[in-house]
Amino acid sequence: MQLQDILYSQGFGTRRVCAGLVQQGFVTVGGEACDDSAAEFDPEGLQFTVQGKPWPYHDKAYILLHKPAGTECSQKPSTWPSIYTLLPAPLRQRPQKGPVQGVQAVGRLDQDTTGLLLLTDDGKFIHRMSSPRHHVPKVYEVTTKHPLDDTQVQRLLSGVVLDDDPKPVKAAACEAVDIHHLRLTLTEGKYHQVKRMLAAVGNRVEGLHRSRIGGLQLPEKLAPGQWCWLGPDDLTLLLG
């Protein structure tokens, strides 16, 4: 695969821009400078730098972001900054067949919700993770306004009715960690679901944090606003 095409596939600009980066000496491959944009490389596992910044080749990008509060999961946010501003430009510019370029969030978190957010340019992966048929569990750490009791926990487990759906919505698991801390596991994603479920049992969400999706836990060392690549082992934990 030509070096300019490798750079293009990773989101470093048009093929002409990528060729220019190489020809101007801004690209090194395996620690060696390369000014031939048509030079052939095996992209699998390739490590290169562009303008001094290292970049590993990924055929598809799978990203974990620790979403901070006060951000929107939208490329055109209405009020708060977009989560996409937390990502480097190549991830936002990776070429796609559709009109929207770059990685896309797998589902959304409200602007005041923090925690684990997945992003990718793999449409099949987005569908697999988002489809209610697959029942991918998502774990939320909920801070409540009012003290929790066994009745609230049991109602969340047995099912509560939300105003737009007569079918009861159940938590897959529910644990009162302490008097104001609920650990809630859901396998579907309705609009404001956690907040509405807590309201249905007479409580209120004061803080909401997603700590796990499938078998993948949010890394403790990943600070709010930071992101990391996901590898094959991580995807196995997500997809089972």
C-alpha atoms as a PDB file:
ATOM      1  CA  MET A   1       0.000   0.000   0.000  1.00  0.00           C
ATOM      2  CA  GLN A   2       1.439   3.393  -0.954  1.00  0.00           C
ATOM      3  CA  LEU A   3       2.468   5.624   1.935  1.00  0.00           C
ATOM      4  CA  GLN A   4       0.216   8.482   0.790  1.00  0.00           C
ATOM      5  CA  ASP A   5      -2.753   6.066   0.778  1.00  0.00           C
ATOM      6  CA  ILE A   6      -1.871   4.838   4.258  1.00  0.00           C
ATOM      7  CA  LEU A   7      -1.859   8.405   5.573  1.00  0.00           C
ATOM      8  CA  TYR A   8      -5.115   9.146   3.753  1.00  0.00           C
ATOM      9  CA  SER A   9      -6.800   6.088   5.283  1.00  0.00           C
ATOM     10  CA  GLN A  10      -5.787   7.273   8.751  1.00  0.00           C
ATOM     11  CA  GLY A  11      -7.311  10.727   8.346  1.00  0.00           C
ATOM     12  CA  PHE A  12      -4.300  12.931   7.633  1.00  0.00           C
ATOM     13  CA  GLY A  13      -6.018  14.776   4.781  1.00  0.00           C
ATOM     14  CA  THR A  14      -6.669  14.327   1.081  1.00  0.00           C
ATOM     15  CA  ARG A  15      -4.284  12.163  -0.920  1.00  0.00           C
ATOM     16  CA  ARG A  16      -2.645  15.332  -2.274  1.00  0.00           C
ATOM     17  CA  VAL A  17      -2.140  16.686   1.248  1.00  0.00           C
ATOM     18  CA  CYS A  18      -0.775  13.324   2.397  1.00  0.00           C
ATOM     19  CA  ALA A  19       1.624  13.180  -0.556  1.00  0.00           C
ATOM     20  CA  GLY A  20       2.809  16.679   0.340  1.00  0.00           C
ATOM     21  CA  LEU A  21       3.455  15.702   3.957  1.00  0.00           C
ATOM     22  CA  VAL A  22       5.683  12.862   2.774  1.00  0.00           C
ATOM     23  CA  GLN A  23       7.515  14.859   0.107  1.00  0.00           C
ATOM     24  CA  GLN A  24       8.255  17.667   2.568  1.00  0.00           C
ATOM     25  CA  GLY A  25       9.930  15.236   4.963  1.00  0.00           C
ATOM     26  CA  PHE A  26       7.259  15.317   7.672  1.00  0.00           C
ATOM     27  CA  VAL A  27       6.793  11.533   7.782  1.00  0.00           C
ATOM     28  CA  THR A  28       9.012   8.804   9.210  1.00  0.00           C
ATOM     29  CA  VAL A  29       8.329   5.076   9.026  1.00  0.00           C
ATOM     30  CA  GLY A  30       9.963   2.708  11.498  1.00  0.00           C
ATOM     31  CA  GLY A  31      12.215   5.548  12.629  1.00  0.00           C
ATOM     32  CA  GLU A  32      13.457   6.253   9.087  1.00  0.00           C
ATOM     33  CA  ALA A  33      12.600   9.369   7.084  1.00  0.00           C
ATOM     34  CA  CYS A  34      10.724   8.723   3.847  1.00  0.00           C
ATOM     35  CA  ASP A  35      10.097  11.353   1.172  1.00  0.00           C
ATOM     36  CA  ASP A  36       8.627   9.020  -1.451  1.00  0.00           C
ATOM     37  CA  SER A  37       4.845   9.226  -1.228  1.00  0.00           C
ATOM     38  CA  ALA A  38       4.464   6.212  -3.536  1.00  0.00           C
ATOM     39  CA  ALA A  39       6.704   3.969  -1.404  1.00  0.00           C
ATOM     40  CA  GLU A  40       5.009   0.656  -0.638  1.00  0.00           C
ATOM     41  CA  PHE A  41       4.528  -0.634   2.918  1.00  0.00           C
ATOM     42  CA  ASP A  42       2.562  -3.377   4.577  1.00  0.00           C
ATOM     43  CA  PRO A  43       0.157  -1.293   6.677  1.00  0.00           C
ATOM     44  CA  GLU A  44      -0.660  -4.030   9.209  1.00  0.00           C
ATOM     45  CA  GLY A  45       1.121  -3.141  12.460  1.00  0.00           C
ATOM     46  CA  LEU A  46       2.890  -0.198  10.835  1.00  0.00           C
ATOM     47  CA  GLN A  47       4.194   2.520  13.146  1.00  0.00           C
ATOM     48  CA  PHE A  48       4.914   5.948  11.693  1.00  0.00           C
ATOM     49  CA  THR A  49       5.165   9.583  12.730  1.00  0.00           C
ATOM     50  CA  VAL A  50       3.656  12.644  11.103  1.00  0.00           C
ATOM     51  CA  GLN A  51       5.242  15.967  12.019  1.00  0.00           C
ATOM     52  CA  GLY A  52       6.893  14.304  14.985  1.00  0.00           C
ATOM     53  CA  LYS A  53       3.737  12.706  16.377  1.00  0.00           C
ATOM     54  CA  PRO A  54       3.612   8.885  16.495  1.00  0.00           C
ATOM     55  CA  TRP A  55       0.650   7.114  14.939  1.00  0.00           C
ATOM     56  CA  PRO A  56      -0.118   3.385  14.738  1.00  0.00           C
ATOM     57  CA  TYR A  57      -1.950   2.129  11.665  1.00  0.00           C
ATOM     58  CA  HIS A  58      -5.473   0.823  12.326  1.00  0.00           C
ATOM     59  CA  ASP A  59      -7.659  -0.526   9.549  1.00  0.00           C
ATOM     60  CA  LYS A  60     -10.645   0.360  11.745  1.00  0.00           C
ATOM     61  CA  ALA A  61     -10.488   2.731  14.696  1.00  0.00           C
ATOM     62  CA  TYR A  62     -11.915   1.592  18.027  1.00  0.00           C
ATOM     63  CA  ILE A  63     -11.615   4.273  20.684  1.00  0.00           C
ATOM     64  CA  LEU A  64     -12.472   4.493  24.362  1.00  0.00           C
ATOM     65  CA  LEU A  65     -13.039   8.025  25.658  1.00  0.00           C
ATOM     66  CA  HIS A  66     -13.505   9.015  29.282  1.00  0.00           C
ATOM     67  CA  LYS A  67     -16.267  11.512  28.660  1.00  0.00           C
ATOM     68  CA  PRO A  68     -16.135  14.507  31.008  1.00  0.00           C
ATOM     69  CA  ALA A  69     -19.151  16.428  32.257  1.00  0.00           C
ATOM     70  CA  GLY A  70     -20.231  19.471  30.287  1.00  0.00           C
ATOM     71  CA  THR A  71     -19.747  17.956  26.838  1.00  0.00           C
ATOM     72  CA  GLU A  72     -22.176  16.864  24.132  1.00  0.00           C
ATOM     73  CA  CYS A  73     -22.004  13.682  22.030  1.00  0.00           C
ATOM     74  CA  SER A  74     -22.675  15.639  18.861  1.00  0.00           C
ATOM     75  CA  GLN A  75     -20.561  17.048  16.047  1.00  0.00           C
ATOM     76  CA  LYS A  76     -22.876  20.063  16.036  1.00  0.00           C
ATOM     77  CA  PRO A  77     -23.445  20.775  19.739  1.00  0.00           C
ATOM     78  CA  SER A  78     -26.170  23.185  20.780  1.00  0.00           C
ATOM     79  CA  THR A  79     -24.822  24.452  24.096  1.00  0.00           C
ATOM     80  CA  TRP A  80     -21.804  22.539  25.408  1.00  0.00           C
ATOM     81  CA  PRO A  81     -18.467  21.698  23.743  1.00  0.00           C
ATOM     82  CA  SER A  82     -18.436  18.615  21.536  1.00  0.00           C
ATOM     83  CA  ILE A  83     -16.681  15.443  22.659  1.00  0.00           C
ATOM     84  CA  TYR A  84     -15.078  15.362  19.209  1.00  0.00           C
ATOM     85  CA  THR A  85     -12.904  18.350  20.128  1.00  0.00           C
ATOM     86  CA  LEU A  86     -11.160  16.026  22.607  1.00  0.00           C
ATOM     87  CA  LEU A  87      -9.894  13.816  19.762  1.00  0.00           C
ATOM     88  CA  PRO A  88      -6.941  14.470  17.431  1.00  0.00           C
ATOM     89  CA  ALA A  89      -7.758  15.669  13.923  1.00  0.00           C
ATOM     90  CA  PRO A  90      -6.974  12.364  12.128  1.00  0.00           C
ATOM     91  CA  LEU A  91      -9.657  10.536  14.130  1.00  0.00           C
ATOM     92  CA  ARG A  92     -12.172  13.237  13.182  1.00  0.00           C
ATOM     93  CA  GLN A  93     -11.162  13.148   9.513  1.00  0.00           C
ATOM     94  CA  ARG A  94     -10.884   9.415   8.783  1.00  0.00           C
ATOM     95  CA  PRO A  95     -12.514   8.920   5.363  1.00  0.00           C
ATOM     96  CA  GLN A  96     -15.954   7.349   5.288  1.00  0.00           C
ATOM     97  CA  LYS A  97     -18.246   6.406   2.421  1.00  0.00           C
ATOM     98  CA  GLY A  98     -21.103   8.437   3.915  1.00  0.00           C
ATOM     99  CA  PRO A  99     -21.377  12.229   4.291  1.00  0.00           C
ATOM    100  CA  VAL A 100     -20.062  12.224   7.888  1.00  0.00           C
ATOM    101  CA  GLN A 101     -16.334  11.659   8.258  1.00  0.00           C
ATOM    102  CA  GLY A 102     -14.307  10.339  11.164  1.00  0.00           C
ATOM    103  CA  VAL A 103     -15.172   8.180  14.129  1.00  0.00           C
ATOM    104  CA  GLN A 104     -18.701   8.267  15.526  1.00  0.00           C
ATOM    105  CA  ALA A 105     -19.938   7.773  19.082  1.00  0.00           C
ATOM    106  CA  VAL A 106     -21.568   4.434  19.814  1.00  0.00           C
ATOM    107  CA  GLY A 107     -24.728   5.760  21.443  1.00  0.00           C
ATOM    108  CA  ARG A 108     -24.793   8.927  23.496  1.00  0.00           C
ATOM    109  CA  LEU A 109     -24.358  10.154  27.035  1.00  0.00           C
ATOM    110  CA  ASP A 110     -26.106  13.274  28.331  1.00  0.00           C
ATOM    111  CA  GLN A 111     -23.988  16.404  28.717  1.00  0.00           C
ATOM    112  CA  ASP A 112     -23.820  15.967  32.498  1.00  0.00           C
ATOM    113  CA  THR A 113     -23.085  12.225  32.372  1.00  0.00           C
ATOM    114  CA  THR A 114     -19.469  11.075  32.601  1.00  0.00           C
ATOM    115  CA  GLY A 115     -17.632   7.855  31.915  1.00  0.00           C
ATOM    116  CA  LEU A 116     -17.008   5.221  29.269  1.00  0.00           C
ATOM    117  CA  LEU A 117     -17.874   6.181  25.699  1.00  0.00           C
ATOM    118  CA  LEU A 118     -16.962   4.169  22.615  1.00  0.00           C
ATOM    119  CA  LEU A 119     -16.190   5.704  19.219  1.00  0.00           C
ATOM    120  CA  THR A 120     -15.432   3.974  15.938  1.00  0.00           C
ATOM    121  CA  ASP A 121     -15.591   4.184  12.161  1.00  0.00           C
ATOM    122  CA  ASP A 122     -16.869   0.587  11.951  1.00  0.00           C
ATOM    123  CA  GLY A 123     -20.579   0.706  11.124  1.00  0.00           C
ATOM    124  CA  LYS A 124     -21.117  -2.983  11.822  1.00  0.00           C
ATOM    125  CA  PHE A 125     -19.603  -2.584  15.280  1.00  0.00           C
ATOM    126  CA  ILE A 126     -21.882   0.384  16.010  1.00  0.00           C
ATOM    127  CA  HIS A 127     -24.913  -1.671  15.003  1.00  0.00           C
ATOM    128  CA  ARG A 128     -23.749  -4.679  17.036  1.00  0.00           C
ATOM    129  CA  MET A 129     -23.232  -2.601  20.174  1.00  0.00           C
ATOM    130  CA  SER A 130     -26.383  -0.502  19.768  1.00  0.00           C
ATOM    131  CA  SER A 131     -28.907  -3.156  18.793  1.00  0.00           C
ATOM    132  CA  PRO A 132     -31.276  -4.064  21.657  1.00  0.00           C
ATOM    133  CA  ARG A 133     -31.312  -7.643  20.330  1.00  0.00           C
ATOM    134  CA  HIS A 134     -27.781  -8.218  21.599  1.00  0.00           C
ATOM    135  CA  HIS A 135     -28.452  -7.051  25.168  1.00  0.00           C
ATOM    136  CA  VAL A 136     -24.990  -5.615  25.777  1.00  0.00           C
ATOM    137  CA  PRO A 137     -24.921  -4.720  29.510  1.00  0.00           C
ATOM    138  CA  LYS A 138     -23.959  -1.194  30.499  1.00  0.00           C
ATOM    139  CA  VAL A 139     -23.158  -0.392  34.130  1.00  0.00           C
ATOM    140  CA  TYR A 140     -23.904   3.009  35.627  1.00  0.00           C
ATOM    141  CA  GLU A 141     -22.829   4.466  38.956  1.00  0.00           C
ATOM    142  CA  VAL A 142     -25.755   6.613  40.096  1.00  0.00           C
ATOM    143  CA  THR A 143     -25.626   9.245  42.816  1.00  0.00           C
ATOM    144  CA  THR A 144     -29.150   9.792  44.138  1.00  0.00           C
ATOM    145  CA  LYS A 145     -30.694  12.816  45.829  1.00  0.00           C
ATOM    146  CA  HIS A 146     -32.758  10.815  48.304  1.00  0.00           C
ATOM    147  CA  PRO A 147     -31.681   7.803  50.379  1.00  0.00           C
ATOM    148  CA  LEU A 148     -32.088   4.447  48.678  1.00  0.00           C
ATOM    149  CA  ASP A 149     -34.141   1.634  50.152  1.00  0.00           C
ATOM    150  CA  ASP A 150     -34.894  -1.993  49.297  1.00  0.00           C
ATOM    151  CA  THR A 151     -38.287  -1.107  47.832  1.00  0.00           C
ATOM    152  CA  GLN A 152     -36.718   1.151  45.205  1.00  0.00           C
ATOM    153  CA  VAL A 153     -34.129  -1.471  44.296  1.00  0.00           C
ATOM    154  CA  GLN A 154     -36.755  -4.202  43.937  1.00  0.00           C
ATOM    155  CA  ARG A 155     -38.986  -2.004  41.789  1.00  0.00           C
ATOM    156  CA  LEU A 156     -36.090  -1.262  39.448  1.00  0.00           C
ATOM    157  CA  LEU A 157     -35.423  -4.997  39.160  1.00  0.00           C
ATOM    158  CA  SER A 158     -39.054  -5.959  38.630  1.00  0.00           C
ATOM    159  CA  GLY A 159     -39.730  -3.157  36.153  1.00  0.00           C
ATOM    160  CA  VAL A 160     -41.076   0.392  36.035  1.00  0.00           C
ATOM    161  CA  VAL A 161     -43.313   2.001  33.424  1.00  0.00           C
ATOM    162  CA  LEU A 162     -41.960   5.059  31.620  1.00  0.00           C
ATOM    163  CA  ASP A 163     -44.338   7.626  30.215  1.00  0.00           C
ATOM    164  CA  ASP A 164     -43.703   6.794  26.533  1.00  0.00           C
ATOM    165  CA  ASP A 165     -43.848   3.003  26.737  1.00  0.00           C
ATOM    166  CA  PRO A 166     -46.487   0.869  28.443  1.00  0.00           C
ATOM    167  CA  LYS A 167     -44.069  -2.064  28.618  1.00  0.00           C
ATOM    168  CA  PRO A 168     -42.170  -2.101  31.945  1.00  0.00           C
ATOM    169  CA  VAL A 169     -38.426  -1.443  31.768  1.00  0.00           C
ATOM    170  CA  LYS A 170     -36.283  -3.616  34.023  1.00  0.00           C
ATOM    171  CA  ALA A 171     -32.748  -3.275  35.312  1.00  0.00           C
ATOM    172  CA  ALA A 172     -30.593  -6.305  34.511  1.00  0.00           C
ATOM    173  CA  ALA A 173     -28.915  -5.811  37.892  1.00  0.00           C
ATOM    174  CA  CYS A 174     -29.269  -3.274  40.671  1.00  0.00           C
ATOM    175  CA  GLU A 175     -27.253  -2.802  43.859  1.00  0.00           C
ATOM    176  CA  ALA A 176     -27.378  -0.111  46.540  1.00  0.00           C
ATOM    177  CA  VAL A 177     -23.655   0.358  47.163  1.00  0.00           C
ATOM    178  CA  ASP A 178     -24.434   2.836  49.917  1.00  0.00           C
ATOM    179  CA  ILE A 179     -27.320   5.074  50.913  1.00  0.00           C
ATOM    180  CA  HIS A 180     -26.859   7.461  47.952  1.00  0.00           C
ATOM    181  CA  HIS A 181     -24.930   5.258  45.511  1.00  0.00           C
ATOM    182  CA  LEU A 182     -26.720   2.885  43.165  1.00  0.00           C
ATOM    183  CA  ARG A 183     -24.985   0.540  40.704  1.00  0.00           C
ATOM    184  CA  LEU A 184     -27.423  -0.052  37.861  1.00  0.00           C
ATOM    185  CA  THR A 185     -27.000  -2.397  34.891  1.00  0.00           C
ATOM    186  CA  LEU A 186     -29.102  -1.895  31.761  1.00  0.00           C
ATOM    187  CA  THR A 187     -29.233  -3.823  28.494  1.00  0.00           C
ATOM    188  CA  GLU A 188     -31.186  -1.265  26.472  1.00  0.00           C
ATOM    189  CA  GLY A 189     -30.841   2.447  25.948  1.00  0.00           C
ATOM    190  CA  LYS A 190     -33.891   4.671  26.008  1.00  0.00           C
ATOM    191  CA  TYR A 191     -33.836   8.460  26.156  1.00  0.00           C
ATOM    192  CA  HIS A 192     -32.752   9.633  29.648  1.00  0.00           C
ATOM    193  CA  GLN A 193     -33.489   6.085  30.807  1.00  0.00           C
ATOM    194  CA  VAL A 194     -31.607   6.059  34.108  1.00  0.00           C
ATOM    195  CA  LYS A 195     -33.012   9.416  35.185  1.00  0.00           C
ATOM    196  CA  ARG A 196     -36.552   8.426  34.263  1.00  0.00           C
ATOM    197  CA  MET A 197     -36.305   5.043  35.974  1.00  0.00           C
ATOM    198  CA  LEU A 198     -35.107   6.654  39.205  1.00  0.00           C
ATOM    199  CA  ALA A 199     -37.881   9.248  38.967  1.00  0.00           C
ATOM    200  CA  ALA A 200     -40.411   6.416  38.545  1.00  0.00           C
ATOM    201  CA  VAL A 201     -39.407   4.980  41.946  1.00  0.00           C
ATOM    202  CA  GLY A 202     -39.538   8.350  43.689  1.00  0.00           C
ATOM    203  CA  ASN A 203     -35.881   9.325  43.594  1.00  0.00           C
ATOM    204  CA  ARG A 204     -33.700  11.663  41.577  1.00  0.00           C
ATOM    205  CA  VAL A 205     -30.336  11.356  39.831  1.00  0.00           C
ATOM    206  CA  GLU A 206     -27.767  13.845  41.093  1.00  0.00           C
ATOM    207  CA  GLY A 207     -24.779  12.297  39.323  1.00  0.00           C
ATOM    208  CA  LEU A 208     -24.385   9.665  36.592  1.00  0.00           C
ATOM    209  CA  HIS A 209     -21.247   7.838  35.481  1.00  0.00           C
ATOM    210  CA  ARG A 210     -20.925   4.883  33.098  1.00  0.00           C
ATOM    211  CA  SER A 211     -18.238   2.550  34.395  1.00  0.00           C
ATOM    212  CA  ARG A 212     -18.508  -0.515  32.162  1.00  0.00           C
ATOM    213  CA  ILE A 213     -19.831  -1.812  28.840  1.00  0.00           C
ATOM    214  CA  GLY A 214     -19.946  -5.568  28.414  1.00  0.00           C
ATOM    215  CA  GLY A 215     -16.834  -6.882  30.116  1.00  0.00           C
ATOM    216  CA  LEU A 216     -14.820  -3.712  29.466  1.00  0.00           C
ATOM    217  CA  GLN A 217     -14.177  -1.486  32.480  1.00  0.00           C
ATOM    218  CA  LEU A 218     -13.241   2.182  32.241  1.00  0.00           C
ATOM    219  CA  PRO A 219      -9.498   2.248  33.071  1.00  0.00           C
ATOM    220  CA  GLU A 220      -8.772   3.992  36.368  1.00  0.00           C
ATOM    221  CA  LYS A 221      -5.682   5.674  34.906  1.00  0.00           C
ATOM    222  CA  LEU A 222      -7.681   7.308  32.086  1.00  0.00           C
ATOM    223  CA  ALA A 223      -8.589  10.816  33.255  1.00  0.00           C
ATOM    224  CA  PRO A 224     -11.727  12.668  32.086  1.00  0.00           C
ATOM    225  CA  GLY A 225     -11.167  13.969  28.571  1.00  0.00           C
ATOM    226  CA  GLN A 226      -8.509  11.364  27.746  1.00  0.00           C
ATOM    227  CA  TRP A 227      -8.873   8.574  25.189  1.00  0.00           C
ATOM    228  CA  CYS A 228      -7.090   5.352  24.220  1.00  0.00           C
ATOM    229  CA  TRP A 229      -7.074   2.791  21.415  1.00  0.00           C
ATOM    230  CA  LEU A 230      -8.896  -0.486  21.952  1.00  0.00           C
ATOM    231  CA  GLY A 231      -7.185  -3.714  20.966  1.00  0.00           C
ATOM    232  CA  PRO A 232      -8.463  -7.186  20.083  1.00  0.00           C
ATOM    233  CA  ASP A 233      -8.678  -8.259  23.748  1.00  0.00           C
ATOM    234  CA  ASP A 234     -10.781  -5.190  24.548  1.00  0.00           C
ATOM    235  CA  LEU A 235     -13.145  -5.945  21.666  1.00  0.00           C
ATOM    236  CA  THR A 236     -13.529  -9.507  22.923  1.00  0.00           C
ATOM    237  CA  LEU A 237     -14.567  -8.141  26.319  1.00  0.00           C
ATOM    238  CA  LEU A 238     -17.146  -5.928  24.603  1.00  0.00           C
ATOM    239  CA  LEU A 239     -18.566  -8.440  22.171  1.00  0.00           C
ATOM    240  CA  GLY A 240     -18.210 -11.583  24.287  1.00  0.00           C
END
